[in-house]
Each structure stands twice: as C-alpha cells, then as structure tokens.
C-alpha cells in the first residue's frame, strides 16, 4: 500500500512538472482606436502550421507546441500586420494587442500595373517565387489574379504586390499556404531577386491513408538536406553527427593575372572599338544610277 502511495505521489509530481513545461500563449486583439475586440483575426507562428483565430471576444490561445524560437504574426484584413518574437522553453505568455487600421496607398510603380503582359509576367514571377523543381510543378496559386505585376522595361525590373494573402496549394507536400506578400523584386540588370512575406501553413486533408503517408515521406525528403535542416542542425549542435559537410573557401590570387588597371584599359578599348564597328555597320551606302545604268 505504501509503495502504491509513493507511485501515485511520483506520478502526481511528473504530471505537475509536465503541465508546467507546456508552452502556451494567450491574448486578446482590439482595434487601436475604438478599443473594441476584433473577432476572426489570424494568429499564427510564421513558417509553421501552428495557429488559430480570435473568437467573438477577440481572444486567442495557442498551446502544446514544441519549445524554441517563434515569430508570432497577427494579421487581419484592413489592419497593419504585427509580429512578435518569443523564445519558448516551458513558457506561458500573455499578450494584449492593439491593431491599427491600414490606409494603403499603392506607389506609382504599382498603379501602372502591366495588364497587357500580365500572363507572361506572372509566369516569370511564379518560376522565380515558387521554383522549377518537380515539387514546384505541382504548386499553384489559386488567387493569382490578386497579384499586381509591373515590368519596368527601362530598368529591367519586375515588381509584384498583392493586397490579399496569396493562397498557394502545394499538392506535392499536402500544404495550403497563405502568404502575405510584402515585397517582390526581380532585377535583371544586377541579376538579383528579393522577396519578403509572411507564410501561414495549413495541412491539407488527405483523401486516404496512402496519400497521407506519401505526403509525410515527401515532406521528410524535402526537409532533409535543405537550408532549414542545416540551420536546425547547427542550432541543436548536431553538425558532427549529421551528414552535412561544411567547407571553408579561401580566395587565392592568380599570380599570372594582369593588374586590374591594365584589364580596365583593355576592356575600355574593346568597348570603344565594338561601338565604332556597330556604328559603321549601320551607315547606309547610297548608289546613284544614271541613265547609262552606272
């Protein structure tokens, strides 16, 4: 009997400890001016499928997720998105959020959206934003018409903007992603691309167990060896036991390489000569034909 009491007491301590270690965050979302509670506000951790929405009283609660660092995003149509960073290690946070209404004014470059070449611009956007891999071929943007695209022919820049969250269906991995596109720019002149946004993931419902297992396998395959996997491995200090190999690159100067000043002068001479040849080829030759055919 005494042994049973000790076991029950030990189990009680374990349960209390486990409850204390549960990560959670609760809060309420209100309008910054009227202070009225806002229902149906999206509250989620960026780059995860962990999230919820506020109830009729503007309250939300998220709990039971793994420890770690998270970016909590609070997003609602017509309001400025807010983002908070938290480090959970058996922690419980409470948040009181005041959302400010967003008076969005599109910049001049976005007002001049290129509707004539929208289809071509969208294909370019999708190839660079989604990718061209096997999995990317099974990804679609269901509300693509909400994307405003503009191509500046002079500066060779493609700009994209969306007032609504992009609804991205990833049928290869079984995710539906709601992506709040903040900025997208493809610069052909400088050969660079930049985009900024906040994703929210939702798992798609599998039609059967076989599909669910396939999605799980594909997600694991896509994750293993990825950049996110590398960062997680370094953060968890498991690099030595992993299959990753890191190499340190050193710049070695070529002793036979001519000085930069000499190369710049040669490049300038070549450009000048090429420009002169181009102009000469464009000159028209005028032939006068007289009465005698000469």
Protein backbone atom coordinates (compact mmCIF):
# COMPACT_ATOMS: atom_id res chain seq x y z
CA UNK A 1 0.00 0.00 0.00
CA UNK A 2 2.85 2.34 0.90
CA UNK A 3 4.51 1.59 -2.43
CA UNK A 4 1.28 2.47 -4.25
CA UNK A 5 1.10 5.81 -2.41
CA UNK A 6 4.71 6.59 -3.38
CA UNK A 7 3.99 5.72 -7.02
CA UNK A 8 0.89 7.89 -7.08
CA UNK A 9 2.78 10.76 -5.45
CA UNK A 10 5.59 10.42 -8.02
CA UNK A 11 3.08 10.37 -10.89
CA UNK A 12 1.44 13.49 -9.49
CA UNK A 13 4.79 15.30 -9.43
CA UNK A 14 5.54 14.21 -13.00
CA UNK A 15 2.12 15.43 -14.19
CA UNK A 16 2.56 18.77 -12.45
CA UNK A 17 6.04 19.15 -13.96
CA UNK A 18 4.73 18.26 -17.41
CA UNK A 19 1.93 20.79 -17.11
CA UNK A 20 4.43 23.44 -16.04
CA UNK A 21 6.53 22.70 -19.13
CA UNK A 22 3.68 23.21 -21.62
CA UNK A 23 4.37 26.16 -23.91
CA UNK A 24 1.42 28.48 -24.36
CA UNK A 25 0.46 31.97 -25.41
CA UNK A 26 -2.88 33.68 -24.88
CA UNK A 27 -4.16 37.15 -25.53
CA UNK A 28 -6.78 39.48 -26.88
CA UNK A 29 -6.81 41.62 -30.03
CA UNK A 30 -8.52 45.01 -30.16
CA UNK A 31 -8.89 47.96 -32.51
CA UNK A 32 -6.30 50.61 -31.56
CA UNK A 33 -8.81 53.48 -31.86
CA UNK A 34 -12.16 52.11 -30.70
CA UNK A 35 -10.61 49.51 -28.35
CA UNK A 36 -13.30 47.08 -29.48
CA UNK A 37 -12.35 43.42 -29.66
CA UNK A 38 -11.67 42.01 -33.14
CA UNK A 39 -13.02 38.54 -33.97
CA UNK A 40 -11.64 36.18 -36.66
CA UNK A 41 -8.13 37.67 -36.58
CA UNK A 42 -5.41 35.29 -37.84
CA UNK A 43 -2.88 34.47 -35.11
CA UNK A 44 -0.10 32.09 -36.09
CA UNK A 45 3.60 31.30 -35.90
CA UNK A 46 5.34 32.24 -39.15
CA UNK A 47 6.71 29.37 -41.25
CA UNK A 48 4.68 26.79 -39.32
CA UNK A 49 1.23 25.21 -39.38
CA UNK A 50 0.64 26.30 -35.75
CA UNK A 51 -2.04 28.93 -35.40
CA UNK A 52 -5.61 29.88 -34.63
CA UNK A 53 -8.05 32.79 -34.94
CA UNK A 54 -9.64 35.02 -32.35
CA UNK A 55 -13.14 34.26 -31.05
CA UNK A 56 -16.06 36.70 -30.86
CA UNK A 57 -14.40 38.42 -27.88
CA UNK A 58 -11.12 38.83 -29.73
CA UNK A 59 -9.40 36.21 -27.58
CA UNK A 60 -6.93 33.59 -28.76
CA UNK A 61 -4.97 30.73 -27.23
CA UNK A 62 -2.19 28.51 -28.61
CA UNK A 63 -0.55 25.77 -26.53
CA UNK A 64 1.18 22.41 -26.65
CA UNK A 65 3.78 23.27 -29.29
CA UNK A 66 7.49 22.33 -29.08
CA UNK A 67 9.98 24.66 -27.38
CA UNK A 68 12.04 27.03 -29.49
CA UNK A 69 12.06 30.49 -31.04
CA UNK A 70 8.91 31.60 -32.86
CA UNK A 71 7.65 34.69 -34.66
CA UNK A 72 4.01 35.28 -33.76
CA UNK A 73 2.08 37.00 -36.54
CA UNK A 74 -1.24 38.78 -36.03
CA UNK A 75 -2.94 39.58 -39.31
CA UNK A 76 -6.36 40.92 -40.25
CA UNK A 77 -7.74 42.42 -43.46
CA UNK A 78 -7.76 46.22 -43.29
CA UNK A 79 -5.24 46.36 -40.43
CA UNK A 80 -1.46 46.57 -40.21
CA UNK A 81 0.14 43.21 -39.51
CA UNK A 82 2.03 42.91 -36.24
CA UNK A 83 4.82 40.46 -35.45
CA UNK A 84 6.35 39.43 -32.11
CA UNK A 85 9.34 37.20 -31.37
CA UNK A 86 9.24 34.70 -28.50
CA UNK A 87 11.58 32.06 -27.10
CA UNK A 88 9.56 29.25 -25.54
CA UNK A 89 11.11 26.82 -23.05
CA UNK A 90 8.16 25.69 -20.96
CA UNK A 91 6.90 29.27 -21.08
CA UNK A 92 3.49 30.92 -20.86
CA UNK A 93 2.99 34.37 -22.36
CA UNK A 94 0.00 36.72 -22.32
CA UNK A 95 -0.43 39.38 -24.95
CA UNK A 96 -2.67 42.43 -25.32
CA UNK A 97 -2.62 43.54 -28.96
CA UNK A 98 -3.94 46.77 -30.48
CA UNK A 99 -4.16 46.67 -34.28
CA UNK A 100 -4.05 49.91 -36.25
CA UNK A 101 -6.11 50.29 -39.40
CA UNK A 102 -4.09 50.26 -42.60
CA UNK A 103 -4.52 53.07 -45.11
CA UNK A 104 -2.65 51.52 -48.01
CA UNK A 105 -1.70 53.77 -50.88
CA UNK A 106 -0.15 51.98 -53.83
CA UNK A 107 3.04 53.53 -55.11
CA UNK A 108 3.20 54.98 -58.61
CA UNK A 109 5.02 51.96 -59.96
CA UNK A 110 2.22 49.65 -58.78
CA UNK A 111 -0.59 51.85 -60.04
CA UNK A 112 0.79 51.34 -63.54
CA UNK A 113 0.31 47.57 -63.42
CA UNK A 114 1.15 45.95 -66.75
CA UNK A 115 -2.15 44.21 -67.52
CA UNK A 116 -1.31 43.70 -71.21
CA UNK A 117 1.62 41.40 -70.43
CA UNK A 118 0.23 40.03 -67.15
CA UNK A 119 0.29 36.36 -68.19
CA UNK A 120 3.93 36.49 -69.26
CA UNK A 121 4.90 38.47 -66.15
CA UNK A 122 3.04 36.01 -63.92
CA UNK A 123 4.88 33.02 -65.41
CA UNK A 124 8.17 34.78 -64.70
CA UNK A 125 7.01 35.61 -61.16
CA UNK A 126 5.90 32.02 -60.49
CA UNK A 127 9.14 30.49 -61.80
CA UNK A 128 11.21 32.70 -59.51
CA UNK A 129 8.88 32.73 -56.50
CA UNK A 130 7.79 29.07 -56.46
CA UNK A 131 10.68 27.50 -58.38
CA UNK A 132 11.07 24.99 -61.19
CA UNK A 133 11.61 21.73 -59.28
CA UNK A 134 9.48 18.59 -59.57
CA UNK A 135 7.54 19.58 -56.45
CA UNK A 136 7.13 23.15 -57.73
CA UNK A 137 5.35 21.81 -60.81
CA UNK A 138 2.54 20.65 -58.50
CA UNK A 139 2.19 24.01 -56.76
CA UNK A 140 -0.46 26.51 -57.84
CA UNK A 141 -1.63 29.96 -56.75
CA UNK A 142 -5.42 29.82 -56.71
CA UNK A 143 -5.92 33.60 -56.49
CA UNK A 144 -3.21 34.62 -58.94
CA UNK A 145 -5.38 37.46 -60.31
CA UNK A 146 -4.92 39.28 -56.99
CA UNK A 147 -1.25 39.79 -57.84
CA UNK A 148 -0.38 43.19 -59.35
CA UNK A 149 2.61 42.92 -61.68
CA UNK A 150 4.65 45.66 -63.31
CA UNK A 151 7.70 45.33 -65.55
CA UNK A 152 9.91 48.39 -65.97
CA UNK A 153 11.48 47.95 -69.40
CA UNK A 154 13.96 50.78 -68.82
CA UNK A 155 15.40 49.45 -65.56
CA UNK A 156 14.69 45.79 -66.40
CA UNK A 157 12.86 45.22 -63.12
CA UNK A 158 9.77 43.11 -62.40
CA UNK A 159 7.77 44.17 -59.34
CA UNK A 160 4.91 42.24 -57.70
CA UNK A 161 2.45 43.25 -54.99
CA UNK A 162 -0.75 41.78 -53.55
CA UNK A 163 -3.39 43.37 -51.33
CA UNK A 164 -4.69 39.94 -50.32
CA UNK A 165 -2.86 36.90 -48.98
CA UNK A 166 -1.74 34.57 -51.76
CA UNK A 167 -3.44 31.17 -51.48
CA UNK A 168 -0.81 28.64 -52.52
CA UNK A 169 -1.74 24.96 -52.90
CA UNK A 170 1.19 22.58 -52.59
CA UNK A 171 -0.25 19.25 -53.67
CA UNK A 172 3.20 17.65 -53.64
CA UNK A 173 3.63 18.10 -49.87
CA UNK A 174 -0.01 18.42 -48.80
CA UNK A 175 0.07 22.03 -47.61
CA UNK A 176 -2.08 25.06 -48.27
CA UNK A 177 -0.07 28.20 -47.66
CA UNK A 178 -1.47 31.66 -47.02
CA UNK A 179 1.34 34.02 -47.98
CA UNK A 180 1.26 37.71 -47.11
CA UNK A 181 3.40 39.14 -49.90
CA UNK A 182 5.10 42.30 -48.70
CA UNK A 183 7.62 42.81 -51.48
CA UNK A 184 8.90 41.09 -54.63
CA UNK A 185 11.53 42.44 -57.00
CA UNK A 186 13.34 40.73 -59.86
CA UNK A 187 16.28 42.82 -61.12
CA UNK A 188 17.61 41.58 -64.47
CA UNK A 189 20.37 44.20 -64.73
CA UNK A 190 22.03 43.24 -61.45
CA UNK A 191 20.99 39.58 -61.64
CA UNK A 192 19.29 39.52 -58.25
CA UNK A 193 15.91 38.72 -56.76
CA UNK A 194 14.43 39.68 -53.42
CA UNK A 195 11.08 38.97 -51.82
CA UNK A 196 9.62 39.43 -48.37
CA UNK A 197 6.49 37.94 -46.88
CA UNK A 198 4.88 36.01 -44.06
CA UNK A 199 3.66 32.45 -44.68
CA UNK A 200 1.00 30.56 -42.74
CA UNK A 201 0.71 26.81 -43.32
CA UNK A 202 -2.34 24.57 -43.15
CA UNK A 203 -2.18 20.82 -43.70
CA UNK A 204 -4.43 19.61 -46.49
CA UNK A 205 -6.82 16.76 -45.71
CA UNK A 206 -5.64 13.51 -47.26
CA UNK A 207 -8.16 11.50 -49.27
CA UNK A 208 -6.84 8.23 -47.83
CA UNK A 209 -4.06 6.82 -45.63
CA UNK A 210 -1.79 6.11 -48.59
CA UNK A 211 -1.83 9.77 -49.61
CA UNK A 212 -1.14 10.86 -46.02
CA UNK A 213 1.90 8.55 -45.82
CA UNK A 214 3.17 9.79 -49.18
CA UNK A 215 2.88 13.42 -48.08
CA UNK A 216 4.76 12.62 -44.87
CA UNK A 217 7.51 10.92 -46.88
CA UNK A 218 7.76 13.80 -49.37
CA UNK A 219 7.90 16.38 -46.57
CA UNK A 220 10.75 14.50 -44.92
CA UNK A 221 12.59 14.18 -48.23
CA UNK A 222 12.15 17.91 -48.99
CA UNK A 223 13.37 18.85 -45.50
CA UNK A 224 16.43 16.61 -45.32
CA UNK A 225 19.43 18.37 -46.78
CA UNK A 226 17.63 21.71 -47.04
CA UNK A 227 18.96 25.01 -45.74
CA UNK A 228 16.41 24.95 -42.90
CA UNK A 229 17.65 21.47 -41.95
CA UNK A 230 21.23 22.77 -41.88
CA UNK A 231 20.32 25.71 -39.63
CA UNK A 232 18.39 23.42 -37.26
CA UNK A 233 21.34 21.02 -37.13
CA UNK A 234 23.76 23.82 -36.25
CA UNK A 235 21.34 25.27 -33.67
CA UNK A 236 20.96 21.86 -32.00
CA UNK A 237 24.76 21.35 -32.11
CA UNK A 238 24.43 18.10 -34.07
CA UNK A 239 26.59 19.04 -37.04
CA UNK A 240 29.32 16.47 -36.36
CA UNK A 241 26.84 13.58 -36.17
CA UNK A 242 24.95 14.72 -39.28
CA UNK A 243 25.65 14.08 -42.96
CA UNK A 244 26.32 17.75 -43.65
CA UNK A 245 29.78 18.77 -44.79
CA UNK A 246 30.92 22.36 -44.43
CA UNK A 247 33.86 23.72 -46.37
CA UNK A 248 35.79 26.92 -45.83
CA UNK A 249 36.58 28.79 -49.02
CA UNK A 250 39.70 30.89 -49.40
CA UNK A 251 40.38 33.36 -52.16
CA UNK A 252 43.70 32.64 -53.85
CA UNK A 253 45.10 35.31 -56.13
CA UNK A 254 46.27 34.19 -59.56
CA UNK A 255 49.93 35.30 -59.88
CA UNK A 256 49.61 35.38 -63.68
CA UNK A 257 46.61 37.72 -63.61
CA UNK A 258 47.43 41.18 -65.04
CA UNK A 259 46.81 44.26 -62.85
CA UNK A 260 43.21 45.47 -62.67
CA UNK A 261 44.13 48.85 -64.18
CA UNK A 262 45.56 47.11 -67.25
CA UNK A 263 42.39 45.00 -67.63
CA UNK A 264 40.12 48.04 -67.28
CA UNK A 265 42.01 49.84 -70.05
CA UNK A 266 41.75 46.80 -72.35
CA UNK A 267 38.02 46.49 -71.67
CA UNK A 268 37.53 50.18 -72.47
CA UNK A 269 39.45 49.83 -75.76
CA UNK A 270 37.38 46.78 -76.70
CA UNK A 271 34.09 48.54 -75.95
CA UNK A 272 35.10 51.63 -77.94
CA UNK A 273 36.16 49.51 -80.91
CA UNK A 274 32.99 47.44 -80.75
CA UNK A 275 30.83 50.59 -80.57
CA UNK A 276 32.65 52.06 -83.61
CA UNK A 277 32.15 48.87 -85.63
CA UNK A 278 28.46 48.86 -84.75
CA UNK A 279 28.03 52.43 -85.97
CA UNK A 280 29.90 51.71 -89.22
CA UNK A 281 27.67 48.74 -89.96
CA UNK A 282 24.60 50.96 -89.64
CA UNK A 283 25.81 53.52 -92.18
CA UNK A 284 23.87 53.40 -95.43
CA UNK A 285 25.60 53.31 -98.81
CA UNK A 286 23.88 55.44 -101.42
CA UNK A 287 24.26 54.27 -105.05
CA UNK A 288 23.32 56.67 -107.81
CA UNK A 289 22.12 55.03 -111.00
CA UNK A 290 22.42 57.20 -114.07
CA UNK A 291 20.81 56.88 -117.46
CA UNK A 292 23.60 54.58 -118.62
CA UNK A 293 23.00 52.20 -115.76
CA UNK A 294 26.13 53.28 -113.81
